[in-house]
Amino acid sequence: MNLTVIPVVLVCLGLVWFVVTTLFIYDNLRRRGESVSFIWLRAMAPWYAFRYKEITKKERGKVRPLFYHWIISINSVLVLVVLAVIVHYL
């Protein structure tokens, strides 16, 4: 079995995790009456995530876990892509 397949599958799973988390943040902001655009979601995802962080911190005194899911998912995808490239070229 090719060792590149494992990191690529993990990258795909991480991307799904990231997209779902981004959609949950978008929906949460929309339900709160915030101005969000689905068309610009890809470009505005970081801004929406940090806005979600600020709003939840003001409401509850701490940041809700959805923000951390967003941060961990995108960073894990970045690390796994680098790992996949390294494994592929070794």
Protein backbone atom coordinates (compact mmCIF):
# COMPACT_ATOMS: atom_id res chain seq x y z
CA MET A 1 0.00 0.00 0.00
CA ASN A 2 1.24 3.44 -0.88
CA LEU A 3 2.04 5.50 2.24
CA THR A 4 0.78 8.67 0.58
CA VAL A 5 -2.81 7.41 0.70
CA ILE A 6 -3.11 7.64 4.49
CA PRO A 7 -2.24 11.37 4.79
CA VAL A 8 -4.41 12.17 1.77
CA VAL A 9 -7.42 10.42 3.34
CA LEU A 10 -6.76 12.26 6.61
CA VAL A 11 -6.56 15.56 4.71
CA CYS A 12 -9.95 14.85 3.11
CA LEU A 13 -11.48 14.04 6.49
CA GLY A 14 -9.96 17.22 7.94
CA LEU A 15 -11.39 19.26 5.08
CA VAL A 16 -14.85 17.82 5.69
CA TRP A 17 -14.48 18.64 9.39
CA PHE A 18 -13.41 22.20 8.49
CA VAL A 19 -16.29 22.75 6.04
CA VAL A 20 -18.91 21.43 8.45
CA THR A 21 -17.55 23.57 11.28
CA THR A 22 -17.53 26.64 9.03
CA LEU A 23 -21.14 26.01 8.06
CA PHE A 24 -22.13 25.65 11.73
CA ILE A 25 -20.45 28.97 12.54
CA TYR A 26 -22.19 30.60 9.57
CA ASP A 27 -25.56 29.23 10.69
CA ASN A 28 -24.98 30.28 14.30
CA LEU A 29 -24.16 33.85 13.26
CA ARG A 30 -27.14 33.96 10.90
CA ARG A 31 -29.52 32.81 13.66
CA ARG A 32 -28.18 35.54 15.93
CA GLY A 33 -29.12 38.16 13.35
CA GLU A 34 -25.57 38.90 12.25
CA SER A 35 -24.93 39.96 8.67
CA VAL A 36 -23.32 36.97 6.92
CA SER A 37 -23.17 36.03 3.25
CA PHE A 38 -23.16 32.43 2.07
CA ILE A 39 -21.74 33.51 -1.30
CA TRP A 40 -18.68 35.04 0.39
CA LEU A 41 -18.33 32.27 2.99
CA ARG A 42 -15.04 30.91 1.64
CA ALA A 43 -13.39 34.30 1.67
CA MET A 44 -14.92 35.50 4.93
CA ALA A 45 -14.66 32.26 6.97
CA PRO A 46 -11.79 33.50 9.19
CA TRP A 47 -13.57 36.78 9.85
CA TYR A 48 -16.83 34.97 10.68
CA ALA A 49 -15.01 32.54 12.99
CA PHE A 50 -13.37 35.34 14.97
CA ARG A 51 -16.66 37.24 15.10
CA TYR A 52 -18.28 34.09 16.50
CA LYS A 53 -15.47 33.93 19.06
CA GLU A 54 -16.05 37.53 20.18
CA ILE A 55 -19.83 37.14 20.41
CA THR A 56 -19.72 33.92 22.43
CA LYS A 57 -17.05 35.30 24.73
CA LYS A 58 -19.21 38.36 25.48
CA GLU A 59 -22.30 36.22 26.09
CA ARG A 60 -20.88 33.45 28.25
CA GLY A 61 -17.53 34.72 29.42
CA LYS A 62 -15.68 32.05 27.48
CA VAL A 63 -15.29 30.95 23.90
CA ARG A 64 -17.57 28.13 22.77
CA PRO A 65 -15.97 24.86 21.48
CA LEU A 66 -17.08 25.40 17.88
CA PHE A 67 -14.38 28.04 17.44
CA TYR A 68 -11.71 25.60 18.62
CA HIS A 69 -13.02 22.94 16.24
CA TRP A 70 -12.57 25.44 13.43
CA ILE A 71 -8.99 26.31 14.46
CA ILE A 72 -7.92 22.71 15.03
CA SER A 73 -9.46 21.45 11.78
CA ILE A 74 -7.77 24.00 9.51
CA ASN A 75 -4.41 23.63 11.24
CA SER A 76 -4.57 19.84 11.13
CA VAL A 77 -5.29 20.01 7.39
CA LEU A 78 -2.25 22.23 6.92
CA VAL A 79 0.01 19.85 8.86
CA LEU A 80 -1.36 16.79 7.06
CA VAL A 81 -0.85 18.37 3.63
CA VAL A 82 2.78 19.05 4.49
CA LEU A 83 3.11 15.48 5.76
CA ALA A 84 1.55 14.08 2.57
CA VAL A 85 3.96 16.06 0.41
CA ILE A 86 6.95 14.91 2.47
CA VAL A 87 5.86 11.26 2.37
CA HIS A 88 5.18 11.47 -1.36
CA TYR A 89 8.64 12.79 -2.21
CA LEU A 90 10.64 10.50 0.07
